[in-house]
Amino acid sequence: MNRERAVRALGAWFDGGVQPEPLGAGHINDTWLVRHGGRGYVLQRISDAVFPDPAGVAARVAEVVAHLASGRAGVAVPALVASRSGQPWHRDASGVWRMWRQVTPSRTLEPLRTAAQAESAGRAFGAFQAATADLDLSARPDPIPGFLQLGHYLETLDRTLESSEMADGAVAEALAVIDARRDLAAALAGRDRTIHGDCKVDNLLFHPDREEVVAVIDLDTVMHGHWAWDFGDLVRSAAARAGGGVDVALFAALARGFLPAAGLDPHPEDLALAPRYVALMLGVRFLTDHLAGDRYFKVSAPGENLARARRQLALALDLEARETTLRAAARRR
């Protein structure tokens, strides 16, 4: 991240002298913590390497924030801070910037450790879907072409393989797992409602003292999609154990929170399938980026995206092995 360009961008909001500090470890946007006038703010540069139309993303996010400003269905999102020009985002020579009001007091919880935390996490993302159900984004272009669509990512992987010279034993092993499960591309392919699109645990802010979500953050991928893409990503993020595999009790707690809040009563088969679909899809994405030279996801060292791919594919295999157990947990929830 480039501090100098962040300092220059801050001039669209504040007078000089404000010093931004790097914030978080996200793979996509450059993010900075800013303190001014006794308050905390979060400055972000929207990645033009990931989002083809950063200004369009900024405008869409502003629309979502305005839609949720009434706090409908108990969903809270951070407030956008208008620039001096009165706009919810600012463009300069280095890109498109926006500023959020920091949500305080709050904390992130990763990993989730209790059923109460998991149920609250599920409830927050489910309520987000319900609260945006009347926000019709079906005619808008996706923030990232083909986002969350396994078939699209398989096609991209195949094209990348044609020109890549990075194939080795680990890559071949990952490809074997993927190739045996290409039929999953036809599952959960429908697009039936507005979704958050990035339901990771670190996109939830919890109360500092209670196991209760106080805000949903990171709205860049809000789009028209399948409800199960959100649920699957949440399970993958929240219920996967550090040593491998998935915690079935946390899976059930996530479902107990998510489904009533979202107003959904799906078949247990879809609930069990959703995290496997997402884990395989992410494995494909990480592997593709590794083969393409790490152009999309930030890495700290060569091979990191391959390691990420292998973790997601291992999780997909574990979810596959536990499918009967997950279905039973979905029925009991």
C-alpha atoms as a PDB file:
ATOM      1  CA  MET A   1       0.000   0.000   0.000  1.00  0.00           C
ATOM      2  CA  ASN A   2       1.218   3.472  -0.839  1.00  0.00           C
ATOM      3  CA  ARG A   3       0.950   5.893   2.065  1.00  0.00           C
ATOM      4  CA  GLU A   4       1.685   8.968  -0.068  1.00  0.00           C
ATOM      5  CA  ARG A   5      -1.293   8.429  -2.321  1.00  0.00           C
ATOM      6  CA  ALA A   6      -3.502   7.785   0.714  1.00  0.00           C
ATOM      7  CA  VAL A   7      -2.349  11.091   2.237  1.00  0.00           C
ATOM      8  CA  ARG A   8      -3.152  12.888  -1.027  1.00  0.00           C
ATOM      9  CA  ALA A   9      -6.589  11.281  -1.217  1.00  0.00           C
ATOM     10  CA  LEU A  10      -7.377  12.400   2.340  1.00  0.00           C
ATOM     11  CA  GLY A  11      -7.329  15.976   1.088  1.00  0.00           C
ATOM     12  CA  ALA A  12     -10.730  15.298  -0.468  1.00  0.00           C
ATOM     13  CA  TRP A  13     -12.122  15.029   3.072  1.00  0.00           C
ATOM     14  CA  PHE A  14      -9.795  16.747   5.557  1.00  0.00           C
ATOM     15  CA  ASP A  15      -7.134  19.425   5.790  1.00  0.00           C
ATOM     16  CA  GLY A  16      -3.480  18.353   5.839  1.00  0.00           C
ATOM     17  CA  GLY A  17      -1.709  16.792   8.774  1.00  0.00           C
ATOM     18  CA  VAL A  18      -3.827  13.641   9.038  1.00  0.00           C
ATOM     19  CA  GLN A  19      -1.720  10.481   8.936  1.00  0.00           C
ATOM     20  CA  PRO A  20      -3.326   7.222   7.757  1.00  0.00           C
ATOM     21  CA  GLU A  21      -2.271   3.869   9.208  1.00  0.00           C
ATOM     22  CA  PRO A  22      -2.601   0.540   7.339  1.00  0.00           C
ATOM     23  CA  LEU A  23      -5.638  -1.434   8.510  1.00  0.00           C
ATOM     24  CA  GLY A  24      -6.492  -5.100   8.160  1.00  0.00           C
ATOM     25  CA  ALA A  25      -5.101  -7.853   6.005  1.00  0.00           C
ATOM     26  CA  GLY A  26      -7.624  -7.937   3.164  1.00  0.00           C
ATOM     27  CA  HIS A  27      -6.655  -9.488  -0.163  1.00  0.00           C
ATOM     28  CA  ILE A  28      -8.239  -6.810  -2.372  1.00  0.00           C
ATOM     29  CA  ASN A  29      -8.614  -3.114  -1.436  1.00  0.00           C
ATOM     30  CA  ASP A  30      -6.012  -0.850   0.168  1.00  0.00           C
ATOM     31  CA  THR A  31      -7.439   0.122   3.561  1.00  0.00           C
ATOM     32  CA  TRP A  32      -6.292   2.751   6.071  1.00  0.00           C
ATOM     33  CA  LEU A  33      -7.355   3.846   9.546  1.00  0.00           C
ATOM     34  CA  VAL A  34      -7.659   7.610   9.923  1.00  0.00           C
ATOM     35  CA  ARG A  35      -8.185   9.600  13.122  1.00  0.00           C
ATOM     36  CA  HIS A  36      -9.492  13.128  12.878  1.00  0.00           C
ATOM     37  CA  GLY A  37     -11.344  15.344  15.316  1.00  0.00           C
ATOM     38  CA  GLY A  38     -11.476  12.616  17.937  1.00  0.00           C
ATOM     39  CA  ARG A  39     -13.198  10.176  15.592  1.00  0.00           C
ATOM     40  CA  GLY A  40     -12.047   7.153  13.650  1.00  0.00           C
ATOM     41  CA  TYR A  41     -12.531   6.711   9.908  1.00  0.00           C
ATOM     42  CA  VAL A  42     -11.657   4.022   7.395  1.00  0.00           C
ATOM     43  CA  LEU A  43     -10.225   5.154   4.054  1.00  0.00           C
ATOM     44  CA  GLN A  44     -10.238   2.711   1.145  1.00  0.00           C
ATOM     45  CA  ARG A  45      -8.933   2.681  -2.379  1.00  0.00           C
ATOM     46  CA  ILE A  46     -11.124   0.351  -4.450  1.00  0.00           C
ATOM     47  CA  SER A  47      -8.940  -2.090  -6.339  1.00  0.00           C
ATOM     48  CA  ASP A  48      -8.964  -1.401 -10.072  1.00  0.00           C
ATOM     49  CA  ALA A  49      -7.091  -4.673 -10.587  1.00  0.00           C
ATOM     50  CA  VAL A  50     -10.082  -6.608  -9.234  1.00  0.00           C
ATOM     51  CA  PHE A  51     -13.065  -4.397 -10.081  1.00  0.00           C
ATOM     52  CA  PRO A  52     -13.318  -3.371 -13.755  1.00  0.00           C
ATOM     53  CA  ASP A  53     -15.415  -0.325 -12.809  1.00  0.00           C
ATOM     54  CA  PRO A  54     -14.352   0.996  -9.372  1.00  0.00           C
ATOM     55  CA  ALA A  55     -16.554   4.075  -9.678  1.00  0.00           C
ATOM     56  CA  GLY A  56     -19.525   1.854 -10.481  1.00  0.00           C
ATOM     57  CA  VAL A  57     -18.750  -0.245  -7.393  1.00  0.00           C
ATOM     58  CA  ALA A  58     -18.560   2.892  -5.255  1.00  0.00           C
ATOM     59  CA  ALA A  59     -21.907   4.116  -6.591  1.00  0.00           C
ATOM     60  CA  ARG A  60     -23.538   0.724  -6.011  1.00  0.00           C
ATOM     61  CA  VAL A  61     -22.218   0.576  -2.440  1.00  0.00           C
ATOM     62  CA  ALA A  62     -23.585   4.060  -1.764  1.00  0.00           C
ATOM     63  CA  GLU A  63     -26.980   2.864  -3.032  1.00  0.00           C
ATOM     64  CA  VAL A  64     -26.900  -0.154  -0.720  1.00  0.00           C
ATOM     65  CA  VAL A  65     -25.911   1.983   2.280  1.00  0.00           C
ATOM     66  CA  ALA A  66     -28.730   4.429   1.552  1.00  0.00           C
ATOM     67  CA  HIS A  67     -31.173   1.524   1.223  1.00  0.00           C
ATOM     68  CA  LEU A  68     -30.163   0.208   4.645  1.00  0.00           C
ATOM     69  CA  ALA A  69     -29.852   3.595   6.344  1.00  0.00           C
ATOM     70  CA  SER A  70     -33.172   3.149   8.106  1.00  0.00           C
ATOM     71  CA  GLY A  71     -31.784   0.126   9.938  1.00  0.00           C
ATOM     72  CA  ARG A  72     -34.498  -2.048   8.427  1.00  0.00           C
ATOM     73  CA  ALA A  73     -34.656  -5.588   9.789  1.00  0.00           C
ATOM     74  CA  GLY A  74     -32.007  -4.722  12.338  1.00  0.00           C
ATOM     75  CA  VAL A  75     -29.200  -4.627   9.762  1.00  0.00           C
ATOM     76  CA  ALA A  76     -26.527  -2.037  10.470  1.00  0.00           C
ATOM     77  CA  VAL A  77     -23.777  -1.059   8.052  1.00  0.00           C
ATOM     78  CA  PRO A  78     -21.119   1.640   8.490  1.00  0.00           C
ATOM     79  CA  ALA A  79     -21.947   5.149   7.320  1.00  0.00           C
ATOM     80  CA  LEU A  80     -20.210   6.568   4.279  1.00  0.00           C
ATOM     81  CA  VAL A  81     -18.593   9.977   4.779  1.00  0.00           C
ATOM     82  CA  ALA A  82     -19.207  12.420   1.948  1.00  0.00           C
ATOM     83  CA  SER A  83     -16.170  14.189   0.530  1.00  0.00           C
ATOM     84  CA  ARG A  84     -15.871  17.977   0.502  1.00  0.00           C
ATOM     85  CA  SER A  85     -17.614  17.930  -2.871  1.00  0.00           C
ATOM     86  CA  GLY A  86     -20.586  16.187  -1.295  1.00  0.00           C
ATOM     87  CA  GLN A  87     -20.017  12.899  -3.126  1.00  0.00           C
ATOM     88  CA  PRO A  88     -19.824   9.469  -1.412  1.00  0.00           C
ATOM     89  CA  TRP A  89     -16.556   8.721  -3.216  1.00  0.00           C
ATOM     90  CA  HIS A  90     -13.587  10.552  -4.712  1.00  0.00           C
ATOM     91  CA  ARG A  91     -11.487   9.895  -7.807  1.00  0.00           C
ATOM     92  CA  ASP A  92      -7.917  11.076  -8.269  1.00  0.00           C
ATOM     93  CA  ALA A  93      -4.948  10.005 -10.390  1.00  0.00           C
ATOM     94  CA  SER A  94      -4.374   6.911  -8.244  1.00  0.00           C
ATOM     95  CA  GLY A  95      -7.937   5.604  -8.317  1.00  0.00           C
ATOM     96  CA  VAL A  96     -11.342   5.684  -6.627  1.00  0.00           C
ATOM     97  CA  TRP A  97     -11.464   6.317  -2.878  1.00  0.00           C
ATOM     98  CA  ARG A  98     -14.205   6.332  -0.254  1.00  0.00           C
ATOM     99  CA  MET A  99     -14.361   6.891   3.479  1.00  0.00           C
ATOM    100  CA  TRP A 100     -16.381   5.108   6.138  1.00  0.00           C
ATOM    101  CA  ARG A 101     -17.123   6.140   9.678  1.00  0.00           C
ATOM    102  CA  GLN A 102     -15.425   3.584  11.929  1.00  0.00           C
ATOM    103  CA  VAL A 103     -17.838   1.418  13.916  1.00  0.00           C
ATOM    104  CA  THR A 104     -16.831   1.719  17.554  1.00  0.00           C
ATOM    105  CA  PRO A 105     -16.821   0.061  19.941  1.00  0.00           C
ATOM    106  CA  SER A 106     -16.638  -3.231  18.095  1.00  0.00           C
ATOM    107  CA  ARG A 107     -14.417  -6.240  17.527  1.00  0.00           C
ATOM    108  CA  THR A 108     -13.865  -8.952  14.969  1.00  0.00           C
ATOM    109  CA  LEU A 109     -14.068 -12.623  15.920  1.00  0.00           C
ATOM    110  CA  GLU A 110     -12.074 -15.091  13.875  1.00  0.00           C
ATOM    111  CA  PRO A 111     -12.473 -17.923  14.343  1.00  0.00           C
ATOM    112  CA  LEU A 112     -15.908 -18.213  15.882  1.00  0.00           C
ATOM    113  CA  ARG A 113     -15.792 -20.398  18.975  1.00  0.00           C
ATOM    114  CA  THR A 114     -19.360 -20.722  20.251  1.00  0.00           C
ATOM    115  CA  ALA A 115     -22.766 -21.613  18.882  1.00  0.00           C
ATOM    116  CA  ALA A 116     -24.080 -18.236  20.064  1.00  0.00           C
ATOM    117  CA  GLN A 117     -21.461 -16.413  17.988  1.00  0.00           C
ATOM    118  CA  ALA A 118     -22.267 -18.568  14.963  1.00  0.00           C
ATOM    119  CA  GLU A 119     -26.010 -18.077  15.300  1.00  0.00           C
ATOM    120  CA  SER A 120     -25.537 -14.303  15.530  1.00  0.00           C
ATOM    121  CA  ALA A 121     -23.283 -14.344  12.466  1.00  0.00           C
ATOM    122  CA  GLY A 122     -25.844 -16.332  10.499  1.00  0.00           C
ATOM    123  CA  ARG A 123     -28.638 -14.040  11.647  1.00  0.00           C
ATOM    124  CA  ALA A 124     -26.737 -10.930  10.520  1.00  0.00           C
ATOM    125  CA  PHE A 125     -26.057 -12.156   6.995  1.00  0.00           C
ATOM    126  CA  GLY A 126     -29.527 -13.650   6.678  1.00  0.00           C
ATOM    127  CA  ALA A 127     -31.078 -10.364   7.750  1.00  0.00           C
ATOM    128  CA  PHE A 128     -28.920  -8.609   5.174  1.00  0.00           C
ATOM    129  CA  GLN A 129     -30.454 -10.732   2.421  1.00  0.00           C
ATOM    130  CA  ALA A 130     -33.963 -10.052   3.723  1.00  0.00           C
ATOM    131  CA  ALA A 131     -33.342  -6.311   4.036  1.00  0.00           C
ATOM    132  CA  THR A 132     -32.039  -6.045   0.471  1.00  0.00           C
ATOM    133  CA  ALA A 133     -34.687  -8.290  -1.080  1.00  0.00           C
ATOM    134  CA  ASP A 134     -36.449  -5.229  -2.501  1.00  0.00           C
ATOM    135  CA  LEU A 135     -33.197  -3.758  -3.830  1.00  0.00           C
ATOM    136  CA  ASP A 136     -33.287  -5.049  -7.400  1.00  0.00           C
ATOM    137  CA  LEU A 137     -29.788  -5.445  -8.807  1.00  0.00           C
ATOM    138  CA  SER A 138     -30.692  -8.063 -11.414  1.00  0.00           C
ATOM    139  CA  ALA A 139     -30.188  -5.627 -14.310  1.00  0.00           C
ATOM    140  CA  ARG A 140     -26.849  -4.301 -13.019  1.00  0.00           C
ATOM    141  CA  PRO A 141     -23.555  -5.752 -14.206  1.00  0.00           C
ATOM    142  CA  ASP A 142     -21.817  -7.905 -11.626  1.00  0.00           C
ATOM    143  CA  PRO A 143     -19.092  -6.039  -9.705  1.00  0.00           C
ATOM    144  CA  ILE A 144     -16.691  -8.731 -10.955  1.00  0.00           C
ATOM    145  CA  PRO A 145     -17.646 -10.588 -14.151  1.00  0.00           C
ATOM    146  CA  GLY A 146     -18.811 -14.116 -13.360  1.00  0.00           C
ATOM    147  CA  PHE A 147     -18.346 -13.594  -9.631  1.00  0.00           C
ATOM    148  CA  LEU A 148     -19.090 -16.687  -7.473  1.00  0.00           C
ATOM    149  CA  GLN A 149     -20.110 -18.715 -10.540  1.00  0.00           C
ATOM    150  CA  LEU A 150     -18.181 -21.985 -10.577  1.00  0.00           C
ATOM    151  CA  GLY A 151     -18.733 -22.576 -14.287  1.00  0.00           C
ATOM    152  CA  HIS A 152     -17.162 -19.226 -15.120  1.00  0.00           C
ATOM    153  CA  TYR A 153     -14.109 -19.952 -12.987  1.00  0.00           C
ATOM    154  CA  LEU A 154     -13.646 -23.408 -14.490  1.00  0.00           C
ATOM    155  CA  GLU A 155     -13.576 -21.861 -17.952  1.00  0.00           C
ATOM    156  CA  THR A 156     -11.004 -19.314 -16.759  1.00  0.00           C
ATOM    157  CA  LEU A 157      -8.888 -22.095 -15.241  1.00  0.00           C
ATOM    158  CA  ASP A 158      -8.941 -24.020 -18.512  1.00  0.00           C
ATOM    159  CA  ARG A 159      -7.800 -20.964 -20.479  1.00  0.00           C
ATOM    160  CA  THR A 160      -5.061 -20.268 -17.958  1.00  0.00           C
ATOM    161  CA  LEU A 161      -3.784 -23.835 -18.135  1.00  0.00           C
ATOM    162  CA  GLU A 162      -3.270 -23.477 -21.879  1.00  0.00           C
ATOM    163  CA  SER A 163      -0.642 -20.784 -21.363  1.00  0.00           C
ATOM    164  CA  SER A 164       0.787 -21.645 -17.951  1.00  0.00           C
ATOM    165  CA  GLU A 165       4.129 -23.370 -17.414  1.00  0.00           C
ATOM    166  CA  MET A 166       3.731 -23.701 -13.635  1.00  0.00           C
ATOM    167  CA  ALA A 167       2.210 -27.171 -13.501  1.00  0.00           C
ATOM    168  CA  ASP A 168       3.868 -29.483 -10.946  1.00  0.00           C
ATOM    169  CA  GLY A 169       2.876 -32.340  -8.673  1.00  0.00           C
ATOM    170  CA  ALA A 170       0.878 -30.149  -6.278  1.00  0.00           C
ATOM    171  CA  VAL A 171      -0.926 -28.458  -9.157  1.00  0.00           C
ATOM    172  CA  ALA A 172      -1.703 -31.803 -10.773  1.00  0.00           C
ATOM    173  CA  GLU A 173      -3.127 -33.089  -7.493  1.00  0.00           C
ATOM    174  CA  ALA A 174      -5.353 -30.038  -7.149  1.00  0.00           C
ATOM    175  CA  LEU A 175      -6.521 -30.355 -10.745  1.00  0.00           C
ATOM    176  CA  ALA A 176      -7.489 -33.972 -10.166  1.00  0.00           C
ATOM    177  CA  VAL A 177      -9.748 -32.971  -7.274  1.00  0.00           C
ATOM    178  CA  ILE A 178     -11.335 -30.230  -9.378  1.00  0.00           C
ATOM    179  CA  ASP A 179     -11.809 -32.292 -12.528  1.00  0.00           C
ATOM    180  CA  ALA A 180     -13.656 -35.021 -10.633  1.00  0.00           C
ATOM    181  CA  ARG A 181     -16.184 -32.476  -9.378  1.00  0.00           C
ATOM    182  CA  ARG A 182     -16.879 -30.249 -12.375  1.00  0.00           C
ATOM    183  CA  ASP A 183     -20.532 -31.289 -12.277  1.00  0.00           C
ATOM    184  CA  LEU A 184     -20.990 -29.019  -9.262  1.00  0.00           C
ATOM    185  CA  ALA A 185     -21.006 -26.081 -11.699  1.00  0.00           C
ATOM    186  CA  ALA A 186     -24.637 -26.919 -12.517  1.00  0.00           C
ATOM    187  CA  ALA A 187     -25.658 -26.891  -8.835  1.00  0.00           C
ATOM    188  CA  LEU A 188     -26.899 -23.727  -7.148  1.00  0.00           C
ATOM    189  CA  ALA A 189     -26.562 -21.903 -10.471  1.00  0.00           C
ATOM    190  CA  GLY A 190     -29.823 -19.932 -10.272  1.00  0.00           C
ATOM    191  CA  ARG A 191     -29.829 -16.300  -9.188  1.00  0.00           C
ATOM    192  CA  ASP A 192     -32.850 -15.502  -7.076  1.00  0.00           C
ATOM    193  CA  ARG A 193     -32.134 -12.500  -4.806  1.00  0.00           C
ATOM    194  CA  THR A 194     -29.719  -9.806  -3.717  1.00  0.00           C
ATOM    195  CA  ILE A 195     -26.810 -11.265  -1.769  1.00  0.00           C
ATOM    196  CA  HIS A 196     -23.873  -9.866   0.196  1.00  0.00           C
ATOM    197  CA  GLY A 197     -21.390 -11.810  -1.901  1.00  0.00           C
ATOM    198  CA  ASP A 198     -18.537 -11.998   0.624  1.00  0.00           C
ATOM    199  CA  CYS A 199     -19.875 -13.615   3.796  1.00  0.00           C
ATOM    200  CA  LYS A 200     -16.622 -14.066   5.655  1.00  0.00           C
ATOM    201  CA  VAL A 201     -16.492 -13.847   9.438  1.00  0.00           C
ATOM    202  CA  ASP A 202     -14.122 -10.886   9.278  1.00  0.00           C
ATOM    203  CA  ASN A 203     -16.832  -8.944   7.444  1.00  0.00           C
ATOM    204  CA  LEU A 204     -18.859  -8.877  10.668  1.00  0.00           C
ATOM    205  CA  LEU A 205     -18.261  -6.546  13.582  1.00  0.00           C
ATOM    206  CA  PHE A 206     -19.308  -7.869  16.989  1.00  0.00           C
ATOM    207  CA  HIS A 207     -20.234  -6.049  20.185  1.00  0.00           C
ATOM    208  CA  PRO A 208     -17.113  -5.714  22.367  1.00  0.00           C
ATOM    209  CA  ASP A 209     -18.710  -7.514  25.317  1.00  0.00           C
ATOM    210  CA  ARG A 210     -21.522  -9.617  23.843  1.00  0.00           C
ATOM    211  CA  GLU A 211     -21.626 -12.385  21.263  1.00  0.00           C
ATOM    212  CA  GLU A 212     -23.759 -10.218  19.039  1.00  0.00           C
ATOM    213  CA  VAL A 213     -23.114  -8.744  15.581  1.00  0.00           C
ATOM    214  CA  VAL A 214     -23.404  -4.960  15.467  1.00  0.00           C
ATOM    215  CA  ALA A 215     -22.571  -4.312  11.799  1.00  0.00           C
ATOM    216  CA  VAL A 216     -22.076  -5.968   8.426  1.00  0.00           C
ATOM    217  CA  ILE A 217     -19.179  -4.539   6.420  1.00  0.00           C
ATOM    218  CA  ASP A 218     -17.486  -4.884   3.000  1.00  0.00           C
ATOM    219  CA  LEU A 219     -20.327  -4.284   0.556  1.00  0.00           C
ATOM    220  CA  ASP A 220     -18.382  -4.190  -2.705  1.00  0.00           C
ATOM    221  CA  THR A 221     -19.737  -7.518  -3.923  1.00  0.00           C
ATOM    222  CA  VAL A 222     -23.431  -6.991  -3.182  1.00  0.00           C
ATOM    223  CA  MET A 223     -25.117  -8.348  -6.303  1.00  0.00           C
ATOM    224  CA  HIS A 224     -27.891 -10.504  -7.723  1.00  0.00           C
ATOM    225  CA  GLY A 225     -27.093 -14.136  -6.950  1.00  0.00           C
ATOM    226  CA  HIS A 226     -28.120 -17.407  -5.328  1.00  0.00           C
ATOM    227  CA  TRP A 227     -28.959 -17.253  -1.618  1.00  0.00           C
ATOM    228  CA  ALA A 228     -26.799 -20.328  -0.991  1.00  0.00           C
ATOM    229  CA  TRP A 229     -23.620 -18.615  -2.176  1.00  0.00           C
ATOM    230  CA  ASP A 230     -23.788 -16.428   0.933  1.00  0.00           C
ATOM    231  CA  PHE A 231     -24.612 -19.294   3.276  1.00  0.00           C
ATOM    232  CA  GLY A 232     -21.955 -21.541   1.800  1.00  0.00           C
ATOM    233  CA  ASP A 233     -19.277 -18.891   2.123  1.00  0.00           C
ATOM    234  CA  LEU A 234     -20.300 -18.224   5.711  1.00  0.00           C
ATOM    235  CA  VAL A 235     -20.001 -21.909   6.636  1.00  0.00           C
ATOM    236  CA  ARG A 236     -16.666 -22.162   4.838  1.00  0.00           C
ATOM    237  CA  SER A 237     -15.381 -19.134   6.728  1.00  0.00           C
ATOM    238  CA  ALA A 238     -16.916 -19.721  10.146  1.00  0.00           C
ATOM    239  CA  ALA A 239     -17.134 -23.479  10.625  1.00  0.00           C
ATOM    240  CA  ALA A 240     -13.923 -24.713   9.020  1.00  0.00           C
ATOM    241  CA  ARG A 241     -11.484 -25.894  11.679  1.00  0.00           C
ATOM    242  CA  ALA A 242      -7.873 -24.741  11.645  1.00  0.00           C
ATOM    243  CA  GLY A 243      -6.655 -28.331  11.520  1.00  0.00           C
ATOM    244  CA  GLY A 244      -8.957 -29.178   8.619  1.00  0.00           C
ATOM    245  CA  GLY A 245     -12.574 -30.237   8.286  1.00  0.00           C
ATOM    246  CA  VAL A 246     -15.801 -28.559   9.337  1.00  0.00           C
ATOM    247  CA  ASP A 247     -17.424 -28.173  12.743  1.00  0.00           C
ATOM    248  CA  VAL A 248     -20.916 -29.648  12.358  1.00  0.00           C
ATOM    249  CA  ALA A 249     -22.272 -27.934  15.496  1.00  0.00           C
ATOM    250  CA  LEU A 250     -21.211 -24.531  14.168  1.00  0.00           C
ATOM    251  CA  PHE A 251     -22.736 -25.413  10.783  1.00  0.00           C
ATOM    252  CA  ALA A 252     -26.090 -26.078  12.472  1.00  0.00           C
ATOM    253  CA  ALA A 253     -25.873 -22.865  14.519  1.00  0.00           C
ATOM    254  CA  LEU A 254     -25.136 -20.811  11.381  1.00  0.00           C
ATOM    255  CA  ALA A 255     -28.204 -22.342   9.719  1.00  0.00           C
ATOM    256  CA  ARG A 256     -30.378 -21.596  12.778  1.00  0.00           C
ATOM    257  CA  GLY A 257     -29.421 -17.954  12.565  1.00  0.00           C
ATOM    258  CA  PHE A 258     -29.315 -17.475   8.800  1.00  0.00           C
ATOM    259  CA  LEU A 259     -32.452 -19.176   7.511  1.00  0.00           C
ATOM    260  CA  PRO A 260     -35.182 -17.556   9.665  1.00  0.00           C
ATOM    261  CA  ALA A 261     -33.560 -14.128   9.299  1.00  0.00           C
ATOM    262  CA  ALA A 262     -33.376 -14.523   5.521  1.00  0.00           C
ATOM    263  CA  GLY A 263     -36.909 -15.919   5.341  1.00  0.00           C
ATOM    264  CA  LEU A 264     -35.761 -19.185   3.781  1.00  0.00           C
ATOM    265  CA  ASP A 265     -36.675 -22.845   4.289  1.00  0.00           C
ATOM    266  CA  PRO A 266     -34.542 -24.718   1.739  1.00  0.00           C
ATOM    267  CA  HIS A 267     -34.008 -28.426   1.272  1.00  0.00           C
ATOM    268  CA  PRO A 268     -31.332 -29.836   3.607  1.00  0.00           C
ATOM    269  CA  GLU A 269     -29.450 -31.066   0.534  1.00  0.00           C
ATOM    270  CA  ASP A 270     -28.886 -27.482  -0.634  1.00  0.00           C
ATOM    271  CA  LEU A 271     -27.703 -26.430   2.822  1.00  0.00           C
ATOM    272  CA  ALA A 272     -25.159 -29.244   2.881  1.00  0.00           C
ATOM    273  CA  LEU A 273     -24.069 -28.598  -0.700  1.00  0.00           C
ATOM    274  CA  ALA A 274     -23.616 -24.815  -0.397  1.00  0.00           C
ATOM    275  CA  PRO A 275     -20.290 -24.768   1.511  1.00  0.00           C
ATOM    276  CA  ARG A 276     -18.847 -27.507  -0.710  1.00  0.00           C
ATOM    277  CA  TYR A 277     -19.750 -25.500  -3.821  1.00  0.00           C
ATOM    278  CA  VAL A 278     -18.074 -22.389  -2.404  1.00  0.00           C
ATOM    279  CA  ALA A 279     -14.956 -24.230  -1.193  1.00  0.00           C
ATOM    280  CA  LEU A 280     -14.463 -25.836  -4.611  1.00  0.00           C
ATOM    281  CA  MET A 281     -15.108 -22.524  -6.374  1.00  0.00           C
ATOM    282  CA  LEU A 282     -12.517 -20.769  -4.203  1.00  0.00           C
ATOM    283  CA  GLY A 283     -10.041 -23.576  -4.742  1.00  0.00           C
ATOM    284  CA  VAL A 284     -10.426 -23.055  -8.481  1.00  0.00           C
ATOM    285  CA  ARG A 285      -9.938 -19.304  -8.127  1.00  0.00           C
ATOM    286  CA  PHE A 286      -6.812 -19.561  -5.969  1.00  0.00           C
ATOM    287  CA  LEU A 287      -5.287 -22.188  -8.247  1.00  0.00           C
ATOM    288  CA  THR A 288      -6.018 -20.103 -11.327  1.00  0.00           C
ATOM    289  CA  ASP A 289      -4.402 -17.050  -9.772  1.00  0.00           C
ATOM    290  CA  HIS A 290      -1.340 -19.092  -8.830  1.00  0.00           C
ATOM    291  CA  LEU A 291      -1.013 -20.306 -12.418  1.00  0.00           C
ATOM    292  CA  ALA A 292      -1.521 -16.773 -13.755  1.00  0.00           C
ATOM    293  CA  GLY A 293       1.225 -15.310 -11.561  1.00  0.00           C
ATOM    294  CA  ASP A 294      -0.746 -14.014  -8.565  1.00  0.00           C
ATOM    295  CA  ARG A 295      -2.521 -11.172 -10.356  1.00  0.00           C
ATOM    296  CA  TYR A 296      -5.727 -11.095  -8.307  1.00  0.00           C
ATOM    297  CA  PHE A 297      -5.185 -12.064  -4.667  1.00  0.00           C
ATOM    298  CA  LYS A 298      -2.394 -10.404  -2.725  1.00  0.00           C
ATOM    299  CA  VAL A 299       0.386 -12.759  -1.648  1.00  0.00           C
ATOM    300  CA  SER A 300       3.311 -12.389   0.719  1.00  0.00           C
ATOM    301  CA  ALA A 301       5.387 -15.063  -1.035  1.00  0.00           C
ATOM    302  CA  PRO A 302       5.243 -17.185  -4.212  1.00  0.00           C
ATOM    303  CA  GLY A 303       3.135 -20.296  -3.772  1.00  0.00           C
ATOM    304  CA  GLU A 304       0.736 -18.742  -1.273  1.00  0.00           C
ATOM    305  CA  ASN A 305      -2.223 -18.950  -3.643  1.00  0.00           C
ATOM    306  CA  LEU A 306      -1.438 -22.599  -4.347  1.00  0.00           C
ATOM    307  CA  ALA A 307      -1.456 -23.276  -0.596  1.00  0.00           C
ATOM    308  CA  ARG A 308      -4.795 -21.455  -0.317  1.00  0.00           C
ATOM    309  CA  ALA A 309      -6.192 -23.548  -3.147  1.00  0.00           C
ATOM    310  CA  ARG A 310      -5.107 -26.785  -1.504  1.00  0.00           C
ATOM    311  CA  ARG A 311      -6.739 -25.788   1.796  1.00  0.00           C
ATOM    312  CA  GLN A 312     -10.044 -24.996   0.099  1.00  0.00           C
ATOM    313  CA  LEU A 313      -9.994 -28.227  -1.897  1.00  0.00           C
ATOM    314  CA  ALA A 314      -9.219 -30.228   1.243  1.00  0.00           C
ATOM    315  CA  LEU A 315     -12.208 -28.573   2.889  1.00  0.00           C
ATOM    316  CA  ALA A 316     -14.381 -29.440  -0.116  1.00  0.00           C
ATOM    317  CA  LEU A 317     -13.360 -33.075   0.247  1.00  0.00           C
ATOM    318  CA  ASP A 318     -14.150 -33.058   3.969  1.00  0.00           C
ATOM    319  CA  LEU A 319     -17.547 -31.498   3.317  1.00  0.00           C
ATOM    320  CA  GLU A 320     -18.216 -34.137   0.691  1.00  0.00           C
ATOM    321  CA  ALA A 321     -17.323 -36.910   3.133  1.00  0.00           C
ATOM    322  CA  ARG A 322     -19.612 -35.413   5.784  1.00  0.00           C
ATOM    323  CA  GLU A 323     -22.562 -34.692   3.505  1.00  0.00           C
ATOM    324  CA  THR A 324     -24.897 -37.176   5.218  1.00  0.00           C
ATOM    325  CA  THR A 325     -24.018 -35.737   8.628  1.00  0.00           C
ATOM    326  CA  LEU A 326     -24.508 -32.172   7.401  1.00  0.00           C
ATOM    327  CA  ARG A 327     -27.888 -33.004   5.921  1.00  0.00           C
ATOM    328  CA  ALA A 328     -28.995 -34.538   9.211  1.00  0.00           C
ATOM    329  CA  ALA A 329     -27.764 -31.433  11.078  1.00  0.00           C
ATOM    330  CA  ALA A 330     -29.677 -29.228   8.653  1.00  0.00           C
ATOM    331  CA  ARG A 331     -32.874 -31.143   9.354  1.00  0.00           C
ATOM    332  CA  ARG A 332     -32.389 -30.874  13.131  1.00  0.00           C
ATOM    333  CA  ARG A 333     -31.399 -27.235  13.221  1.00  0.00           C
END
